Amino acid sequence: MPSVSQVFEIPGYYYFDAGNDFSGSKGDFAYKIINGERFRAIAWHGRLCSMKAEIEHEADFERTPDGFAALVKWLEETYNK
């Protein structure tokens, strides 16, 4: 399955349209995409899971293909800061 991101291995929109959440990491940077009425993206540094980590960044996006594209762009920009 090809990734929609140049930085992370994130599945396509239809994976999320089916109601799935997704988490991943690159180096010390970890993230989670949470499905709901909107997409919520959270990011932190370290190896702890999202329930135990100190969340450093979070943002909400429309649950649409365009909102998903904006979420992926936000994750990449947050990682590159």
PDB file of N, CA and C in Angstrom:
ATOM      1  N   MET A   1       0.853  -1.174   0.000  1.00  0.00           N
ATOM      2  CA  MET A   1       0.000   0.000   0.000  1.00  0.00           C
ATOM      3  C   MET A   1       0.898   1.237   0.000  1.00  0.00           C
ATOM      4  N   PRO A   2       0.780   2.090  -1.000  1.00  0.00           N
ATOM      5  CA  PRO A   2       1.627   3.294  -1.051  1.00  0.00           C
ATOM      6  C   PRO A   2       1.228   4.306   0.022  1.00  0.00           C
ATOM      7  N   SER A   3       2.203   5.041   0.483  1.00  0.00           N
ATOM      8  CA  SER A   3       1.975   6.068   1.490  1.00  0.00           C
ATOM      9  C   SER A   3       1.540   7.368   0.827  1.00  0.00           C
ATOM     10  N   VAL A   4       0.732   8.142   1.535  1.00  0.00           N
ATOM     11  CA  VAL A   4       0.303   9.451   1.035  1.00  0.00           C
ATOM     12  C   VAL A   4       1.261  10.548   1.465  1.00  0.00           C
ATOM     13  N   SER A   5       2.284  10.195   2.205  1.00  0.00           N
ATOM     14  CA  SER A   5       3.222  11.166   2.759  1.00  0.00           C
ATOM     15  C   SER A   5       4.616  10.953   2.194  1.00  0.00           C
ATOM     16  N   GLN A   6       5.348  12.052   2.051  1.00  0.00           N
ATOM     17  CA  GLN A   6       6.748  11.974   1.636  1.00  0.00           C
ATOM     18  C   GLN A   6       7.658  11.629   2.820  1.00  0.00           C
ATOM     19  N   VAL A   7       7.142  11.784   4.049  1.00  0.00           N
ATOM     20  CA  VAL A   7       7.947  11.609   5.257  1.00  0.00           C
ATOM     21  C   VAL A   7       7.563  10.343   6.029  1.00  0.00           C
ATOM     22  N   PHE A   8       6.264  10.095   6.158  1.00  0.00           N
ATOM     23  CA  PHE A   8       5.753   9.000   6.984  1.00  0.00           C
ATOM     24  C   PHE A   8       5.082   7.929   6.124  1.00  0.00           C
ATOM     25  N   GLU A   9       4.954   6.747   6.668  1.00  0.00           N
ATOM     26  CA  GLU A   9       4.208   5.681   6.000  1.00  0.00           C
ATOM     27  C   GLU A   9       2.773   5.706   6.510  1.00  0.00           C
ATOM     28  N   ILE A  10       1.938   6.486   5.833  1.00  0.00           N
ATOM     29  CA  ILE A  10       0.537   6.668   6.214  1.00  0.00           C
ATOM     30  C   ILE A  10      -0.332   6.107   5.103  1.00  0.00           C
ATOM     31  N   PRO A  11      -1.315   5.258   5.433  1.00  0.00           N
ATOM     32  CA  PRO A  11      -2.196   4.729   4.394  1.00  0.00           C
ATOM     33  C   PRO A  11      -3.096   5.826   3.820  1.00  0.00           C
ATOM     34  N   GLY A  12      -3.759   5.501   2.719  1.00  0.00           N
ATOM     35  CA  GLY A  12      -4.616   6.468   2.042  1.00  0.00           C
ATOM     36  C   GLY A  12      -5.892   6.792   2.803  1.00  0.00           C
ATOM     37  N   TYR A  13      -6.603   7.773   2.290  1.00  0.00           N
ATOM     38  CA  TYR A  13      -7.825   8.276   2.921  1.00  0.00           C
ATOM     39  C   TYR A  13      -8.834   7.168   3.199  1.00  0.00           C
ATOM     40  N   TYR A  14      -8.976   6.207   2.303  1.00  0.00           N
ATOM     41  CA  TYR A  14     -10.024   5.195   2.456  1.00  0.00           C
ATOM     42  C   TYR A  14      -9.794   4.286   3.653  1.00  0.00           C
ATOM     43  N   TYR A  15      -8.559   4.143   4.087  1.00  0.00           N
ATOM     44  CA  TYR A  15      -8.263   3.423   5.329  1.00  0.00           C
ATOM     45  C   TYR A  15      -8.961   4.120   6.495  1.00  0.00           C
ATOM     46  N   PHE A  16      -8.906   5.430   6.496  1.00  0.00           N
ATOM     47  CA  PHE A  16      -9.511   6.211   7.567  1.00  0.00           C
ATOM     48  C   PHE A  16     -11.016   6.357   7.377  1.00  0.00           C
ATOM     49  N   ASP A  17     -11.464   6.415   6.136  1.00  0.00           N
ATOM     50  CA  ASP A  17     -12.891   6.509   5.852  1.00  0.00           C
ATOM     51  C   ASP A  17     -13.628   5.277   6.382  1.00  0.00           C
ATOM     52  N   ALA A  18     -12.903   4.165   6.527  1.00  0.00           N
ATOM     53  CA  ALA A  18     -13.475   2.939   7.090  1.00  0.00           C
ATOM     54  C   ALA A  18     -13.550   2.999   8.618  1.00  0.00           C
ATOM     55  N   GLY A  19     -13.078   4.100   9.229  1.00  0.00           N
ATOM     56  CA  GLY A  19     -13.202   4.281  10.673  1.00  0.00           C
ATOM     57  C   GLY A  19     -11.977   3.920  11.476  1.00  0.00           C
ATOM     58  N   ASN A  20     -10.863   3.660  10.818  1.00  0.00           N
ATOM     59  CA  ASN A  20      -9.643   3.251  11.523  1.00  0.00           C
ATOM     60  C   ASN A  20      -8.851   4.442  12.053  1.00  0.00           C
ATOM     61  N   ASP A  21      -8.200   4.245  13.194  1.00  0.00           N
ATOM     62  CA  ASP A  21      -7.189   5.158  13.708  1.00  0.00           C
ATOM     63  C   ASP A  21      -5.838   4.657  13.206  1.00  0.00           C
ATOM     64  N   PHE A  22      -4.802   5.482  13.346  1.00  0.00           N
ATOM     65  CA  PHE A  22      -3.473   5.073  12.885  1.00  0.00           C
ATOM     66  C   PHE A  22      -2.430   5.793  13.711  1.00  0.00           C
ATOM     67  N   SER A  23      -1.368   5.091  14.059  1.00  0.00           N
ATOM     68  CA  SER A  23      -0.255   5.736  14.744  1.00  0.00           C
ATOM     69  C   SER A  23       1.050   5.274  14.121  1.00  0.00           C
ATOM     70  N   GLY A  24       2.064   6.112  14.250  1.00  0.00           N
ATOM     71  CA  GLY A  24       3.360   5.784  13.693  1.00  0.00           C
ATOM     72  C   GLY A  24       4.426   6.676  14.293  1.00  0.00           C
ATOM     73  N   SER A  25       5.641   6.485  13.815  1.00  0.00           N
ATOM     74  CA  SER A  25       6.743   7.302  14.307  1.00  0.00           C
ATOM     75  C   SER A  25       7.854   7.330  13.262  1.00  0.00           C
ATOM     76  N   LYS A  26       8.715   8.309  13.436  1.00  0.00           N
ATOM     77  CA  LYS A  26       9.940   8.403  12.655  1.00  0.00           C
ATOM     78  C   LYS A  26      10.983   8.962  13.596  1.00  0.00           C
ATOM     79  N   GLY A  27      11.993   8.144  13.879  1.00  0.00           N
ATOM     80  CA  GLY A  27      12.972   8.546  14.871  1.00  0.00           C
ATOM     81  C   GLY A  27      12.288   8.729  16.213  1.00  0.00           C
ATOM     82  N   ASP A  28      12.494   9.876  16.826  1.00  0.00           N
ATOM     83  CA  ASP A  28      11.931  10.180  18.141  1.00  0.00           C
ATOM     84  C   ASP A  28      10.567  10.863  18.041  1.00  0.00           C
ATOM     85  N   PHE A  29      10.080  11.128  16.837  1.00  0.00           N
ATOM     86  CA  PHE A  29       8.814  11.828  16.609  1.00  0.00           C
ATOM     87  C   PHE A  29       7.700  10.796  16.431  1.00  0.00           C
ATOM     88  N   ALA A  30       6.674  10.887  17.261  1.00  0.00           N
ATOM     89  CA  ALA A  30       5.548   9.960  17.187  1.00  0.00           C
ATOM     90  C   ALA A  30       4.263  10.737  16.920  1.00  0.00           C
ATOM     91  N   TYR A  31       3.305  10.074  16.298  1.00  0.00           N
ATOM     92  CA  TYR A  31       2.039  10.729  15.964  1.00  0.00           C
ATOM     93  C   TYR A  31       0.898   9.719  15.982  1.00  0.00           C
ATOM     94  N   LYS A  32      -0.305  10.247  16.084  1.00  0.00           N
ATOM     95  CA  LYS A  32      -1.502   9.415  16.018  1.00  0.00           C
ATOM     96  C   LYS A  32      -2.587  10.205  15.296  1.00  0.00           C
ATOM     97  N   ILE A  33      -3.300   9.523  14.415  1.00  0.00           N
ATOM     98  CA  ILE A  33      -4.440  10.097  13.707  1.00  0.00           C
ATOM     99  C   ILE A  33      -5.671   9.404  14.258  1.00  0.00           C
ATOM    100  N   ILE A  34      -6.571  10.191  14.836  1.00  0.00           N
ATOM    101  CA  ILE A  34      -7.748   9.659  15.511  1.00  0.00           C
ATOM    102  C   ILE A  34      -8.988  10.021  14.701  1.00  0.00           C
ATOM    103  N   ASN A  35      -9.791   9.014  14.428  1.00  0.00           N
ATOM    104  CA  ASN A  35     -11.004   9.179  13.656  1.00  0.00           C
ATOM    105  C   ASN A  35     -12.174   9.556  14.558  1.00  0.00           C
ATOM    106  N   GLY A  36     -13.024  10.403  14.080  1.00  0.00           N
ATOM    107  CA  GLY A  36     -14.239  10.797  14.784  1.00  0.00           C
ATOM    108  C   GLY A  36     -15.081  11.600  13.814  1.00  0.00           C
ATOM    109  N   GLU A  37     -15.878  12.520  14.327  1.00  0.00           N
ATOM    110  CA  GLU A  37     -16.616  13.402  13.424  1.00  0.00           C
ATOM    111  C   GLU A  37     -15.642  14.244  12.613  1.00  0.00           C
ATOM    112  N   ARG A  38     -14.475  14.504  13.192  1.00  0.00           N
ATOM    113  CA  ARG A  38     -13.355  15.173  12.519  1.00  0.00           C
ATOM    114  C   ARG A  38     -12.118  14.310  12.738  1.00  0.00           C
ATOM    115  N   PHE A  39     -11.095  14.526  11.943  1.00  0.00           N
ATOM    116  CA  PHE A  39      -9.800  13.895  12.211  1.00  0.00           C
ATOM    117  C   PHE A  39      -9.085  14.713  13.269  1.00  0.00           C
ATOM    118  N   ARG A  40      -8.454  14.049  14.222  1.00  0.00           N
ATOM    119  CA  ARG A  40      -7.590  14.711  15.208  1.00  0.00           C
ATOM    120  C   ARG A  40      -6.204  14.116  15.043  1.00  0.00           C
ATOM    121  N   ALA A  41      -5.227  14.995  14.907  1.00  0.00           N
ATOM    122  CA  ALA A  41      -3.831  14.564  14.821  1.00  0.00           C
ATOM    123  C   ALA A  41      -3.117  15.040  16.075  1.00  0.00           C
ATOM    124  N   ILE A  42      -2.364  14.145  16.683  1.00  0.00           N
ATOM    125  CA  ILE A  42      -1.556  14.498  17.843  1.00  0.00           C
ATOM    126  C   ILE A  42      -0.124  14.051  17.575  1.00  0.00           C
ATOM    127  N   ALA A  43       0.824  14.769  18.163  1.00  0.00           N
ATOM    128  CA  ALA A  43       2.238  14.436  17.953  1.00  0.00           C
ATOM    129  C   ALA A  43       3.022  14.722  19.223  1.00  0.00           C
ATOM    130  N   TRP A  44       4.084  13.947  19.425  1.00  0.00           N
ATOM    131  CA  TRP A  44       4.936  14.097  20.602  1.00  0.00           C
ATOM    132  C   TRP A  44       6.297  13.482  20.293  1.00  0.00           C
ATOM    133  N   HIS A  45       7.234  13.688  21.169  1.00  0.00           N
ATOM    134  CA  HIS A  45       8.561  13.087  21.037  1.00  0.00           C
ATOM    135  C   HIS A  45       8.733  12.040  22.133  1.00  0.00           C
ATOM    136  N   GLY A  46       9.363  10.939  21.790  1.00  0.00           N
ATOM    137  CA  GLY A  46       9.627   9.890  22.765  1.00  0.00           C
ATOM    138  C   GLY A  46       8.981   8.583  22.371  1.00  0.00           C
ATOM    139  N   ARG A  47       9.253   7.579  23.149  1.00  0.00           N
ATOM    140  CA  ARG A  47       8.787   6.220  22.865  1.00  0.00           C
ATOM    141  C   ARG A  47       7.531   5.832  23.631  1.00  0.00           C
ATOM    142  N   LEU A  48       6.992   6.719  24.455  1.00  0.00           N
ATOM    143  CA  LEU A  48       5.776   6.393  25.196  1.00  0.00           C
ATOM    144  C   LEU A  48       4.575   6.386  24.263  1.00  0.00           C
ATOM    145  N   CYS A  49       3.564   5.603  24.605  1.00  0.00           N
ATOM    146  CA  CYS A  49       2.330   5.606  23.828  1.00  0.00           C
ATOM    147  C   CYS A  49       1.597   6.925  24.051  1.00  0.00           C
ATOM    148  N   SER A  50       0.622   7.212  23.212  1.00  0.00           N
ATOM    149  CA  SER A  50      -0.088   8.496  23.290  1.00  0.00           C
ATOM    150  C   SER A  50      -0.806   8.689  24.619  1.00  0.00           C
ATOM    151  N   MET A  51      -1.208   7.612  25.266  1.00  0.00           N
ATOM    152  CA  MET A  51      -1.912   7.717  26.548  1.00  0.00           C
ATOM    153  C   MET A  51      -0.976   8.168  27.675  1.00  0.00           C
ATOM    154  N   LYS A  52       0.315   7.902  27.544  1.00  0.00           N
ATOM    155  CA  LYS A  52       1.267   8.240  28.604  1.00  0.00           C
ATOM    156  C   LYS A  52       2.198   9.385  28.244  1.00  0.00           C
ATOM    157  N   ALA A  53       2.241   9.740  26.981  1.00  0.00           N
ATOM    158  CA  ALA A  53       3.163  10.787  26.514  1.00  0.00           C
ATOM    159  C   ALA A  53       2.602  12.174  26.796  1.00  0.00           C
ATOM    160  N   GLU A  54       3.502  13.144  26.820  1.00  0.00           N
ATOM    161  CA  GLU A  54       3.090  14.547  26.891  1.00  0.00           C
ATOM    162  C   GLU A  54       2.890  15.013  25.448  1.00  0.00           C
ATOM    163  N   ILE A  55       1.638  15.231  25.076  1.00  0.00           N
ATOM    164  CA  ILE A  55       1.311  15.632  23.706  1.00  0.00           C
ATOM    165  C   ILE A  55       1.808  17.056  23.491  1.00  0.00           C
ATOM    166  N   GLU A  56       2.624  17.241  22.460  1.00  0.00           N
ATOM    167  CA  GLU A  56       3.241  18.534  22.182  1.00  0.00           C
ATOM    168  C   GLU A  56       2.482  19.337  21.131  1.00  0.00           C
ATOM    169  N   HIS A  57       1.820  18.647  20.215  1.00  0.00           N
ATOM    170  CA  HIS A  57       1.112  19.311  19.116  1.00  0.00           C
ATOM    171  C   HIS A  57      -0.190  18.564  18.873  1.00  0.00           C
ATOM    172  N   GLU A  58      -1.253  19.306  18.560  1.00  0.00           N
ATOM    173  CA  GLU A  58      -2.505  18.669  18.179  1.00  0.00           C
ATOM    174  C   GLU A  58      -3.302  19.618  17.302  1.00  0.00           C
ATOM    175  N   ALA A  59      -4.077  19.024  16.403  1.00  0.00           N
ATOM    176  CA  ALA A  59      -4.896  19.812  15.489  1.00  0.00           C
ATOM    177  C   ALA A  59      -6.054  18.955  14.991  1.00  0.00           C
ATOM    178  N   ASP A  60      -7.160  19.617  14.650  1.00  0.00           N
ATOM    179  CA  ASP A  60      -8.338  18.952  14.107  1.00  0.00           C
ATOM    180  C   ASP A  60      -8.511  19.333  12.644  1.00  0.00           C
ATOM    181  N   PHE A  61      -9.048  18.394  11.863  1.00  0.00           N
ATOM    182  CA  PHE A  61      -9.246  18.590  10.438  1.00  0.00           C
ATOM    183  C   PHE A  61     -10.588  18.005  10.024  1.00  0.00           C
ATOM    184  N   GLU A  62     -11.171  18.557   8.965  1.00  0.00           N
ATOM    185  CA  GLU A  62     -12.416  18.017   8.434  1.00  0.00           C
ATOM    186  C   GLU A  62     -12.207  16.565   8.029  1.00  0.00           C
ATOM    187  N   ARG A  63     -13.247  15.772   8.194  1.00  0.00           N
ATOM    188  CA  ARG A  63     -13.169  14.355   7.822  1.00  0.00           C
ATOM    189  C   ARG A  63     -13.588  14.209   6.355  1.00  0.00           C
ATOM    190  N   THR A  64     -12.750  14.769   5.503  1.00  0.00           N
ATOM    191  CA  THR A  64     -12.932  14.744   4.055  1.00  0.00           C
ATOM    192  C   THR A  64     -11.573  14.452   3.420  1.00  0.00           C
ATOM    193  N   PRO A  65     -11.536  14.109   2.141  1.00  0.00           N
ATOM    194  CA  PRO A  65     -10.235  13.926   1.491  1.00  0.00           C
ATOM    195  C   PRO A  65      -9.349  15.177   1.583  1.00  0.00           C
ATOM    196  N   ASP A  66      -9.934  16.368   1.416  1.00  0.00           N
ATOM    197  CA  ASP A  66      -9.139  17.595   1.532  1.00  0.00           C
ATOM    198  C   ASP A  66      -8.652  17.811   2.957  1.00  0.00           C
ATOM    199  N   GLY A  67      -9.501  17.525   3.938  1.00  0.00           N
ATOM    200  CA  GLY A  67      -9.087  17.635   5.331  1.00  0.00           C
ATOM    201  C   GLY A  67      -7.973  16.659   5.658  1.00  0.00           C
ATOM    202  N   PHE A  68      -8.051  15.461   5.095  1.00  0.00           N
ATOM    203  CA  PHE A  68      -7.014  14.464   5.307  1.00  0.00           C
ATOM    204  C   PHE A  68      -5.692  14.917   4.695  1.00  0.00           C
ATOM    205  N   ALA A  69      -5.755  15.490   3.498  1.00  0.00           N
ATOM    206  CA  ALA A  69      -4.534  16.008   2.857  1.00  0.00           C
ATOM    207  C   ALA A  69      -3.915  17.112   3.711  1.00  0.00           C
ATOM    208  N   ALA A  70      -4.753  17.979   4.291  1.00  0.00           N
ATOM    209  CA  ALA A  70      -4.256  19.044   5.163  1.00  0.00           C
ATOM    210  C   ALA A  70      -3.615  18.455   6.418  1.00  0.00           C
ATOM    211  N   LEU A  71      -4.187  17.385   6.945  1.00  0.00           N
ATOM    212  CA  LEU A  71      -3.633  16.710   8.127  1.00  0.00           C
ATOM    213  C   LEU A  71      -2.244  16.164   7.816  1.00  0.00           C
ATOM    214  N   VAL A  72      -2.091  15.490   6.687  1.00  0.00           N
ATOM    215  CA  VAL A  72      -0.783  14.926   6.310  1.00  0.00           C
ATOM    216  C   VAL A  72       0.233  16.052   6.164  1.00  0.00           C
ATOM    217  N   LYS A  73      -0.154  17.141   5.523  1.00  0.00           N
ATOM    218  CA  LYS A  73       0.748  18.288   5.361  1.00  0.00           C
ATOM    219  C   LYS A  73       1.133  18.852   6.727  1.00  0.00           C
ATOM    220  N   TRP A  74       0.173  18.975   7.640  1.00  0.00           N
ATOM    221  CA  TRP A  74       0.430  19.481   8.994  1.00  0.00           C
ATOM    222  C   TRP A  74       1.432  18.582   9.719  1.00  0.00           C
ATOM    223  N   LEU A  75       1.247  17.249   9.620  1.00  0.00           N
ATOM    224  CA  LEU A  75       2.185  16.321  10.271  1.00  0.00           C
ATOM    225  C   LEU A  75       3.594  16.499   9.732  1.00  0.00           C
ATOM    226  N   GLU A  76       3.729  16.597   8.411  1.00  0.00           N
ATOM    227  CA  GLU A  76       5.049  16.761   7.809  1.00  0.00           C
ATOM    228  C   GLU A  76       5.696  18.073   8.245  1.00  0.00           C
ATOM    229  N   GLU A  77       4.916  19.152   8.261  1.00  0.00           N
ATOM    230  CA  GLU A  77       5.467  20.456   8.684  1.00  0.00           C
ATOM    231  C   GLU A  77       5.843  20.429  10.156  1.00  0.00           C
ATOM    232  N   THR A  78       5.030  19.784  10.986  1.00  0.00           N
ATOM    233  CA  THR A  78       5.325  19.697  12.415  1.00  0.00           C
ATOM    234  C   THR A  78       6.593  18.884  12.639  1.00  0.00           C
ATOM    235  N   TYR A  79       6.764  17.821  11.898  1.00  0.00           N
ATOM    236  CA  TYR A  79       7.984  16.996  12.004  1.00  0.00           C
ATOM    237  C   TYR A  79       9.227  17.808  11.579  1.00  0.00           C
ATOM    238  N   ASN A  80       9.093  18.606  10.549  1.00  0.00           N
ATOM    239  CA  ASN A  80      10.231  19.348   9.992  1.00  0.00           C
ATOM    240  C   ASN A  80      10.614  20.598  10.782  1.00  0.00           C
ATOM    241  N   LYS A  81       9.826  20.969  11.784  1.00  0.00           N
ATOM    242  CA  LYS A  81      10.146  22.155  12.592  1.00  0.00           C
ATOM    243  C   LYS A  81      11.313  21.886  13.512  1.00  0.00           C
TER     244      LYS A  81
END
